Amino acid sequence: MSVDDLWSWHAYIYAFRRVKLGQFANTSPVDEQGEWHNPGLVGRAERYYREKLGVKPKPGDRPTASYDEVRPDWRRIPSPELTDAEHELADPEIARMSAQAQRMIAEIVARGRKAFRDKNTHFEAREGIERPVRAATVDVPPEELMARVGGYAIRTEEA
């Protein structure tokens, strides 16, 4: 085997131990000194096994603190699979995005409540704006209109 093949082989050994056995140690029976452990390669191999075998990470499944590598695609990696260094980058960003999302949701809810409270406007959801309600004009006497819709009209004046 070439050196690149050995790195890959060891990465898949480590990844399989993570996915099937839940062991996140930096050593394995075939690499007792941990000389062939590469966090980036192991993480990619682990994602491959999780997808192929359909195994979702458990809440406690997380690399140990010795993983201080930040991968270039860390924004696309599920939270339980992030290294500690990646968590340090992601946590403030997640908090900022969460606060921004909460503000946006509160604004949408307030606009919706205001639109339904004001009888002179209606809310067009697909455009997200309020427009004045146009008066409906009907050239039919109330009795005939109610008869058409299946109701009845009360006459208030004598004919």
N, C-alpha and C. Protein backbone atom coordinates (compact mmCIF):
# COMPACT_ATOMS: atom_id res chain seq x y z
N MET A 1 0.84 -1.18 0.00
CA MET A 1 0.00 0.00 0.00
C MET A 1 0.88 1.24 0.00
N SER A 2 0.39 2.28 -0.69
CA SER A 2 1.13 3.54 -0.68
C SER A 2 0.84 4.27 0.65
N VAL A 3 1.58 5.32 0.90
CA VAL A 3 1.40 6.08 2.14
C VAL A 3 0.01 6.72 2.16
N ASP A 4 -0.44 7.25 1.03
CA ASP A 4 -1.78 7.84 0.97
C ASP A 4 -2.85 6.80 1.25
N ASP A 5 -2.67 5.60 0.73
CA ASP A 5 -3.63 4.53 0.99
C ASP A 5 -3.64 4.14 2.47
N LEU A 6 -2.49 4.15 3.10
CA LEU A 6 -2.42 3.84 4.53
C LEU A 6 -3.15 4.89 5.37
N TRP A 7 -2.96 6.17 5.03
CA TRP A 7 -3.68 7.23 5.74
C TRP A 7 -5.19 7.03 5.60
N SER A 8 -5.62 6.76 4.38
CA SER A 8 -7.04 6.56 4.13
C SER A 8 -7.56 5.33 4.87
N TRP A 9 -6.81 4.24 4.83
CA TRP A 9 -7.22 2.99 5.49
C TRP A 9 -7.39 3.21 6.99
N HIS A 10 -6.40 3.88 7.60
CA HIS A 10 -6.49 4.15 9.03
C HIS A 10 -7.67 5.08 9.34
N ALA A 11 -7.91 6.06 8.48
CA ALA A 11 -9.04 6.97 8.71
C ALA A 11 -10.35 6.20 8.72
N TYR A 12 -10.50 5.25 7.80
CA TYR A 12 -11.74 4.47 7.76
C TYR A 12 -11.84 3.51 8.95
N ILE A 13 -10.71 3.04 9.45
CA ILE A 13 -10.73 2.21 10.67
C ILE A 13 -11.24 3.05 11.85
N TYR A 14 -10.65 4.24 12.01
CA TYR A 14 -11.08 5.12 13.10
C TYR A 14 -12.56 5.49 12.96
N ALA A 15 -12.97 5.81 11.74
CA ALA A 15 -14.36 6.22 11.52
C ALA A 15 -15.33 5.08 11.82
N PHE A 16 -14.98 3.88 11.41
CA PHE A 16 -15.86 2.73 11.67
C PHE A 16 -15.99 2.50 13.18
N ARG A 17 -14.88 2.66 13.90
CA ARG A 17 -14.92 2.49 15.36
C ARG A 17 -15.81 3.56 16.00
N ARG A 18 -15.80 4.77 15.44
CA ARG A 18 -16.66 5.82 15.96
C ARG A 18 -18.14 5.51 15.72
N VAL A 19 -18.46 5.14 14.48
CA VAL A 19 -19.86 4.96 14.09
C VAL A 19 -20.45 3.71 14.72
N LYS A 20 -19.77 2.59 14.63
CA LYS A 20 -20.34 1.32 15.10
C LYS A 20 -20.07 1.03 16.57
N LEU A 21 -18.92 1.45 17.08
CA LEU A 21 -18.56 1.12 18.46
C LEU A 21 -18.68 2.31 19.41
N GLY A 22 -18.81 3.53 18.85
CA GLY A 22 -18.91 4.71 19.69
C GLY A 22 -17.61 5.04 20.40
N GLN A 23 -16.47 4.65 19.84
CA GLN A 23 -15.16 4.90 20.46
C GLN A 23 -14.46 6.02 19.70
N PHE A 24 -14.18 7.11 20.40
CA PHE A 24 -13.60 8.29 19.79
C PHE A 24 -12.13 8.48 20.16
N ALA A 25 -11.48 7.44 20.60
CA ALA A 25 -10.07 7.55 21.01
C ALA A 25 -9.20 7.85 19.80
N ASN A 26 -8.05 8.47 20.07
CA ASN A 26 -7.09 8.80 19.01
C ASN A 26 -6.16 7.63 18.71
N THR A 27 -6.45 6.48 19.26
CA THR A 27 -5.67 5.27 18.98
C THR A 27 -6.64 4.16 18.61
N SER A 28 -6.09 3.12 18.00
CA SER A 28 -6.90 1.96 17.65
C SER A 28 -6.03 0.71 17.78
N PRO A 29 -6.61 -0.48 17.73
CA PRO A 29 -5.79 -1.70 17.83
C PRO A 29 -4.74 -1.81 16.73
N VAL A 30 -5.00 -1.24 15.56
CA VAL A 30 -4.01 -1.31 14.48
C VAL A 30 -3.06 -0.11 14.49
N ASP A 31 -3.32 0.88 15.34
CA ASP A 31 -2.47 2.06 15.46
C ASP A 31 -2.42 2.46 16.93
N GLU A 32 -1.69 1.70 17.72
CA GLU A 32 -1.69 1.88 19.17
C GLU A 32 -1.04 3.18 19.61
N GLN A 33 -0.20 3.77 18.80
CA GLN A 33 0.46 5.03 19.15
C GLN A 33 -0.32 6.25 18.62
N GLY A 34 -1.28 6.03 17.76
CA GLY A 34 -2.05 7.13 17.18
C GLY A 34 -1.29 7.90 16.12
N GLU A 35 -0.26 7.27 15.53
CA GLU A 35 0.57 7.94 14.53
C GLU A 35 -0.17 8.19 13.22
N TRP A 36 -1.18 7.37 12.93
CA TRP A 36 -1.90 7.48 11.66
C TRP A 36 -3.25 8.18 11.83
N HIS A 37 -3.45 8.84 12.95
CA HIS A 37 -4.72 9.51 13.19
C HIS A 37 -4.69 10.92 12.59
N ASN A 38 -5.62 11.20 11.67
CA ASN A 38 -5.76 12.52 11.05
C ASN A 38 -7.22 12.95 11.24
N PRO A 39 -7.48 13.94 12.07
CA PRO A 39 -8.87 14.32 12.37
C PRO A 39 -9.70 14.68 11.15
N GLY A 40 -9.10 15.36 10.18
CA GLY A 40 -9.84 15.73 8.97
C GLY A 40 -10.26 14.51 8.16
N LEU A 41 -9.33 13.59 7.94
CA LEU A 41 -9.65 12.38 7.19
C LEU A 41 -10.64 11.50 7.94
N VAL A 42 -10.47 11.41 9.24
CA VAL A 42 -11.37 10.59 10.06
C VAL A 42 -12.79 11.18 10.03
N GLY A 43 -12.90 12.50 10.11
CA GLY A 43 -14.21 13.14 10.07
C GLY A 43 -14.93 12.89 8.76
N ARG A 44 -14.22 12.98 7.65
CA ARG A 44 -14.84 12.71 6.34
C ARG A 44 -15.26 11.25 6.23
N ALA A 45 -14.40 10.36 6.69
CA ALA A 45 -14.74 8.93 6.65
C ALA A 45 -15.93 8.63 7.56
N GLU A 46 -15.98 9.31 8.69
CA GLU A 46 -17.11 9.10 9.61
C GLU A 46 -18.42 9.56 8.97
N ARG A 47 -18.40 10.72 8.31
CA ARG A 47 -19.61 11.18 7.63
C ARG A 47 -20.03 10.18 6.55
N TYR A 48 -19.05 9.61 5.85
CA TYR A 48 -19.34 8.60 4.82
C TYR A 48 -20.05 7.40 5.44
N TYR A 49 -19.50 6.87 6.53
CA TYR A 49 -20.11 5.70 7.18
C TYR A 49 -21.49 6.02 7.74
N ARG A 50 -21.63 7.20 8.35
CA ARG A 50 -22.94 7.55 8.91
C ARG A 50 -24.00 7.61 7.81
N GLU A 51 -23.64 8.18 6.67
CA GLU A 51 -24.59 8.26 5.56
C GLU A 51 -24.86 6.88 4.96
N LYS A 52 -23.81 6.11 4.75
CA LYS A 52 -23.96 4.79 4.13
C LYS A 52 -24.71 3.82 5.02
N LEU A 53 -24.43 3.84 6.31
CA LEU A 53 -25.07 2.90 7.23
C LEU A 53 -26.35 3.46 7.84
N GLY A 54 -26.64 4.73 7.60
CA GLY A 54 -27.85 5.34 8.14
C GLY A 54 -27.81 5.50 9.65
N VAL A 55 -26.64 5.72 10.20
CA VAL A 55 -26.49 5.88 11.65
C VAL A 55 -26.38 7.36 11.97
N LYS A 56 -27.32 7.86 12.77
CA LYS A 56 -27.26 9.27 13.17
C LYS A 56 -26.42 9.39 14.43
N PRO A 57 -25.68 10.51 14.55
CA PRO A 57 -24.88 10.69 15.76
C PRO A 57 -25.77 10.88 16.98
N LYS A 58 -25.33 10.32 18.09
CA LYS A 58 -26.04 10.51 19.36
C LYS A 58 -25.61 11.84 19.96
N PRO A 59 -26.40 12.41 20.87
CA PRO A 59 -26.03 13.71 21.44
C PRO A 59 -24.64 13.73 22.07
N GLY A 60 -24.18 12.64 22.65
CA GLY A 60 -22.86 12.60 23.28
C GLY A 60 -21.73 12.30 22.32
N ASP A 61 -22.05 11.93 21.08
CA ASP A 61 -21.01 11.62 20.09
C ASP A 61 -20.38 12.92 19.60
N ARG A 62 -19.18 13.16 20.09
CA ARG A 62 -18.47 14.37 19.72
C ARG A 62 -16.99 14.11 19.87
N PRO A 63 -16.20 14.60 18.94
CA PRO A 63 -14.76 14.40 19.08
C PRO A 63 -14.24 14.97 20.39
N THR A 64 -13.17 14.41 20.87
CA THR A 64 -12.60 14.86 22.14
C THR A 64 -11.90 16.20 21.97
N ALA A 65 -11.49 16.80 23.10
CA ALA A 65 -10.90 18.13 23.09
C ALA A 65 -9.59 18.20 22.32
N SER A 66 -8.96 17.08 22.06
CA SER A 66 -7.68 17.12 21.35
C SER A 66 -7.85 17.46 19.88
N TYR A 67 -9.07 17.43 19.42
CA TYR A 67 -9.31 17.80 18.02
C TYR A 67 -9.44 19.31 17.94
N ASP A 68 -8.35 19.97 17.58
CA ASP A 68 -8.39 21.42 17.49
C ASP A 68 -8.27 21.88 16.04
N GLU A 69 -8.63 21.03 15.11
CA GLU A 69 -8.57 21.38 13.70
C GLU A 69 -9.88 22.04 13.28
N VAL A 70 -9.78 23.03 12.43
CA VAL A 70 -10.97 23.67 11.85
C VAL A 70 -10.98 23.32 10.37
N ARG A 71 -11.99 22.54 9.98
CA ARG A 71 -12.11 22.12 8.59
C ARG A 71 -12.74 23.23 7.75
N PRO A 72 -12.40 23.32 6.47
CA PRO A 72 -12.95 24.40 5.64
C PRO A 72 -14.46 24.31 5.46
N ASP A 73 -15.03 23.13 5.56
CA ASP A 73 -16.48 22.97 5.36
C ASP A 73 -17.23 22.83 6.69
N TRP A 74 -16.72 23.46 7.77
CA TRP A 74 -17.30 23.25 9.10
C TRP A 74 -18.72 23.76 9.19
N ARG A 75 -19.14 24.70 8.36
CA ARG A 75 -20.52 25.20 8.41
C ARG A 75 -21.52 24.16 7.92
N ARG A 76 -21.08 23.20 7.17
CA ARG A 76 -21.99 22.17 6.63
C ARG A 76 -22.02 20.90 7.47
N ILE A 77 -21.21 20.83 8.50
CA ILE A 77 -21.10 19.63 9.32
C ILE A 77 -22.11 19.71 10.45
N PRO A 78 -22.86 18.63 10.72
CA PRO A 78 -23.80 18.65 11.84
C PRO A 78 -23.09 18.95 13.16
N SER A 79 -23.78 19.62 14.05
CA SER A 79 -23.20 20.07 15.31
C SER A 79 -22.51 18.97 16.12
N PRO A 80 -23.12 17.76 16.26
CA PRO A 80 -22.43 16.74 17.06
C PRO A 80 -21.09 16.29 16.48
N GLU A 81 -20.86 16.54 15.20
CA GLU A 81 -19.62 16.10 14.56
C GLU A 81 -18.55 17.18 14.54
N LEU A 82 -18.85 18.37 15.04
CA LEU A 82 -17.87 19.45 15.03
C LEU A 82 -16.80 19.22 16.10
N THR A 83 -15.59 19.66 15.78
CA THR A 83 -14.52 19.60 16.78
C THR A 83 -14.70 20.75 17.75
N ASP A 84 -13.94 20.76 18.84
CA ASP A 84 -14.06 21.83 19.82
C ASP A 84 -13.70 23.19 19.21
N ALA A 85 -12.66 23.23 18.38
CA ALA A 85 -12.27 24.49 17.74
C ALA A 85 -13.38 24.99 16.83
N GLU A 86 -14.05 24.07 16.15
CA GLU A 86 -15.15 24.47 15.27
C GLU A 86 -16.35 24.94 16.09
N HIS A 87 -16.58 24.34 17.25
CA HIS A 87 -17.66 24.79 18.13
C HIS A 87 -17.40 26.21 18.62
N GLU A 88 -16.14 26.54 18.89
CA GLU A 88 -15.82 27.89 19.32
C GLU A 88 -16.15 28.91 18.25
N LEU A 89 -16.02 28.53 16.98
CA LEU A 89 -16.38 29.42 15.88
C LEU A 89 -17.89 29.44 15.65
N ALA A 90 -18.52 28.27 15.76
CA ALA A 90 -19.93 28.13 15.40
C ALA A 90 -20.87 28.68 16.46
N ASP A 91 -20.57 28.49 17.73
CA ASP A 91 -21.51 28.88 18.78
C ASP A 91 -21.89 30.36 18.75
N PRO A 92 -20.93 31.31 18.64
CA PRO A 92 -21.34 32.72 18.56
C PRO A 92 -22.15 33.01 17.29
N GLU A 93 -21.77 32.36 16.20
CA GLU A 93 -22.49 32.58 14.95
C GLU A 93 -23.92 32.04 15.05
N ILE A 94 -24.08 30.89 15.68
CA ILE A 94 -25.41 30.32 15.88
C ILE A 94 -26.24 31.23 16.78
N ALA A 95 -25.65 31.76 17.83
CA ALA A 95 -26.37 32.67 18.74
C ALA A 95 -26.81 33.93 18.00
N ARG A 96 -25.93 34.47 17.15
CA ARG A 96 -26.27 35.68 16.39
C ARG A 96 -27.40 35.39 15.41
N MET A 97 -27.31 34.27 14.70
CA MET A 97 -28.35 33.91 13.73
C MET A 97 -29.67 33.62 14.43
N SER A 98 -29.62 33.01 15.60
CA SER A 98 -30.83 32.72 16.36
C SER A 98 -31.52 34.01 16.79
N ALA A 99 -30.74 34.97 17.28
CA ALA A 99 -31.31 36.26 17.69
C ALA A 99 -31.92 36.98 16.50
N GLN A 100 -31.24 36.94 15.36
CA GLN A 100 -31.75 37.57 14.15
C GLN A 100 -33.05 36.90 13.70
N ALA A 101 -33.11 35.59 13.74
CA ALA A 101 -34.31 34.87 13.35
C ALA A 101 -35.47 35.18 14.29
N GLN A 102 -35.19 35.28 15.59
CA GLN A 102 -36.25 35.61 16.55
C GLN A 102 -36.80 37.02 16.31
N ARG A 103 -35.91 37.97 15.97
CA ARG A 103 -36.38 39.33 15.66
C ARG A 103 -37.25 39.33 14.41
N MET A 104 -36.84 38.59 13.39
CA MET A 104 -37.61 38.54 12.15
C MET A 104 -38.98 37.90 12.37
N ILE A 105 -39.02 36.83 13.15
CA ILE A 105 -40.30 36.16 13.43
C ILE A 105 -41.21 37.09 14.22
N ALA A 106 -40.68 37.80 15.21
CA ALA A 106 -41.48 38.74 16.00
C ALA A 106 -42.05 39.85 15.11
N GLU A 107 -41.25 40.32 14.17
CA GLU A 107 -41.72 41.36 13.25
C GLU A 107 -42.85 40.84 12.36
N ILE A 108 -42.71 39.64 11.86
CA ILE A 108 -43.75 39.05 11.00
C ILE A 108 -45.04 38.85 11.79
N VAL A 109 -44.92 38.34 13.00
CA VAL A 109 -46.10 38.12 13.84
C VAL A 109 -46.78 39.45 14.13
N ALA A 110 -46.01 40.48 14.45
CA ALA A 110 -46.59 41.80 14.75
C ALA A 110 -47.30 42.37 13.53
N ARG A 111 -46.68 42.24 12.36
CA ARG A 111 -47.34 42.73 11.13
C ARG A 111 -48.62 41.98 10.86
N GLY A 112 -48.60 40.67 11.07
CA GLY A 112 -49.80 39.87 10.84
C GLY A 112 -50.92 40.24 11.80
N ARG A 113 -50.58 40.43 13.07
CA ARG A 113 -51.60 40.81 14.07
C ARG A 113 -52.17 42.18 13.76
N LYS A 114 -51.31 43.10 13.37
CA LYS A 114 -51.76 44.45 13.04
C LYS A 114 -52.70 44.42 11.84
N ALA A 115 -52.37 43.64 10.84
CA ALA A 115 -53.21 43.57 9.64
C ALA A 115 -54.58 42.99 9.95
N PHE A 116 -54.64 42.01 10.84
CA PHE A 116 -55.93 41.41 11.15
C PHE A 116 -56.72 42.26 12.14
N ARG A 117 -56.05 43.11 12.88
CA ARG A 117 -56.73 43.99 13.83
C ARG A 117 -57.39 45.16 13.10
N ASP A 118 -56.73 45.69 12.08
CA ASP A 118 -57.24 46.84 11.35
C ASP A 118 -58.20 46.38 10.27
N LYS A 119 -59.47 46.75 10.37
CA LYS A 119 -60.47 46.28 9.42
C LYS A 119 -60.37 47.01 8.08
N ASN A 120 -59.55 48.06 8.02
CA ASN A 120 -59.41 48.81 6.77
C ASN A 120 -58.24 48.34 5.92
N THR A 121 -57.52 47.32 6.37
CA THR A 121 -56.41 46.78 5.59
C THR A 121 -56.52 45.27 5.53
N HIS A 122 -55.86 44.69 4.59
CA HIS A 122 -55.73 43.24 4.54
C HIS A 122 -54.27 42.90 4.26
N PHE A 123 -53.88 41.73 4.63
CA PHE A 123 -52.48 41.33 4.55
C PHE A 123 -52.31 40.36 3.39
N GLU A 124 -51.43 40.69 2.46
CA GLU A 124 -51.15 39.79 1.35
C GLU A 124 -49.89 39.01 1.69
N ALA A 125 -50.07 37.75 2.04
CA ALA A 125 -48.97 36.94 2.56
C ALA A 125 -47.87 36.74 1.52
N ARG A 126 -48.23 36.54 0.26
CA ARG A 126 -47.19 36.23 -0.71
C ARG A 126 -46.29 37.43 -0.97
N GLU A 127 -46.80 38.65 -0.76
CA GLU A 127 -45.97 39.83 -0.95
C GLU A 127 -45.46 40.37 0.38
N GLY A 128 -46.12 39.98 1.48
CA GLY A 128 -45.68 40.42 2.79
C GLY A 128 -45.95 41.88 3.06
N ILE A 129 -46.98 42.45 2.41
CA ILE A 129 -47.28 43.87 2.65
C ILE A 129 -48.77 44.03 2.93
N GLU A 130 -49.12 45.16 3.55
CA GLU A 130 -50.51 45.48 3.83
C GLU A 130 -51.01 46.46 2.79
N ARG A 131 -52.24 46.27 2.34
CA ARG A 131 -52.86 47.17 1.37
C ARG A 131 -54.22 47.59 1.90
N PRO A 132 -54.68 48.80 1.52
CA PRO A 132 -56.01 49.21 1.96
C PRO A 132 -57.08 48.35 1.30
N VAL A 133 -58.15 48.14 2.05
CA VAL A 133 -59.25 47.34 1.54
C VAL A 133 -60.13 48.26 0.69
N ARG A 134 -60.46 47.80 -0.52
CA ARG A 134 -61.35 48.56 -1.39
C ARG A 134 -62.79 48.23 -1.04
N ALA A 135 -63.63 49.23 -1.06
CA ALA A 135 -65.04 49.01 -0.78
C ALA A 135 -65.67 48.22 -1.92
N ALA A 136 -66.48 47.25 -1.54
CA ALA A 136 -67.18 46.46 -2.54
C ALA A 136 -68.49 47.15 -2.88
N THR A 137 -68.77 47.27 -4.15
CA THR A 137 -70.04 47.88 -4.57
C THR A 137 -70.93 46.80 -5.15
N VAL A 138 -72.16 46.82 -4.71
CA VAL A 138 -73.15 45.83 -5.17
C VAL A 138 -74.37 46.60 -5.64
N ASP A 139 -74.82 46.30 -6.85
CA ASP A 139 -75.99 46.99 -7.40
C ASP A 139 -77.26 46.17 -7.24
N VAL A 140 -77.27 45.26 -6.29
CA VAL A 140 -78.41 44.37 -6.08
C VAL A 140 -79.06 44.75 -4.75
N PRO A 141 -80.38 44.80 -4.69
CA PRO A 141 -81.04 45.09 -3.41
C PRO A 141 -80.68 44.03 -2.37
N PRO A 142 -80.65 44.39 -1.09
CA PRO A 142 -80.24 43.45 -0.05
C PRO A 142 -81.06 42.17 -0.02
N GLU A 143 -82.38 42.25 -0.26
CA GLU A 143 -83.21 41.05 -0.22
C GLU A 143 -82.78 40.05 -1.29
N GLU A 144 -82.51 40.58 -2.51
CA GLU A 144 -82.12 39.70 -3.61
C GLU A 144 -80.72 39.12 -3.38
N LEU A 145 -79.82 39.95 -2.86
CA LEU A 145 -78.46 39.48 -2.56
C LEU A 145 -78.49 38.36 -1.53
N MET A 146 -79.26 38.52 -0.47
CA MET A 146 -79.33 37.50 0.56
C MET A 146 -79.99 36.24 0.02
N ALA A 147 -80.95 36.38 -0.84
CA ALA A 147 -81.60 35.22 -1.44
C ALA A 147 -80.61 34.44 -2.29
N ARG A 148 -79.71 35.15 -2.97
CA ARG A 148 -78.73 34.48 -3.83
C ARG A 148 -77.73 33.65 -3.00
N VAL A 149 -77.40 34.14 -1.82
CA VAL A 149 -76.41 33.43 -1.00
C VAL A 149 -77.07 32.49 0.00
N GLY A 150 -78.39 32.43 0.00
CA GLY A 150 -79.08 31.46 0.85
C GLY A 150 -79.45 32.00 2.20
N GLY A 151 -79.51 33.31 2.38
CA GLY A 151 -79.89 33.88 3.66
C GLY A 151 -81.16 34.68 3.53
N TYR A 152 -81.39 35.53 4.46
CA TYR A 152 -82.56 36.41 4.40
C TYR A 152 -82.16 37.76 4.95
N ALA A 153 -82.85 38.78 4.49
CA ALA A 153 -82.57 40.15 4.92
C ALA A 153 -83.75 40.64 5.72
N ILE A 154 -83.46 41.38 6.74
CA ILE A 154 -84.51 41.97 7.56
C ILE A 154 -84.79 43.36 7.01
N ARG A 155 -86.02 43.59 6.69
CA ARG A 155 -86.40 44.92 6.21
C ARG A 155 -86.55 45.84 7.40
N THR A 156 -85.91 46.97 7.32
CA THR A 156 -85.99 47.93 8.42
C THR A 156 -86.99 49.02 8.15
N GLU A 157 -87.36 49.23 6.90
CA GLU A 157 -88.33 50.27 6.58
C GLU A 157 -89.54 49.66 5.89
N GLU A 158 -90.65 50.25 6.07
CA GLU A 158 -91.87 49.76 5.46
C GLU A 158 -91.91 50.16 4.00
N ALA A 159 -92.34 49.24 3.17
CA ALA A 159 -92.43 49.53 1.73
C ALA A 159 -93.80 49.95 1.33
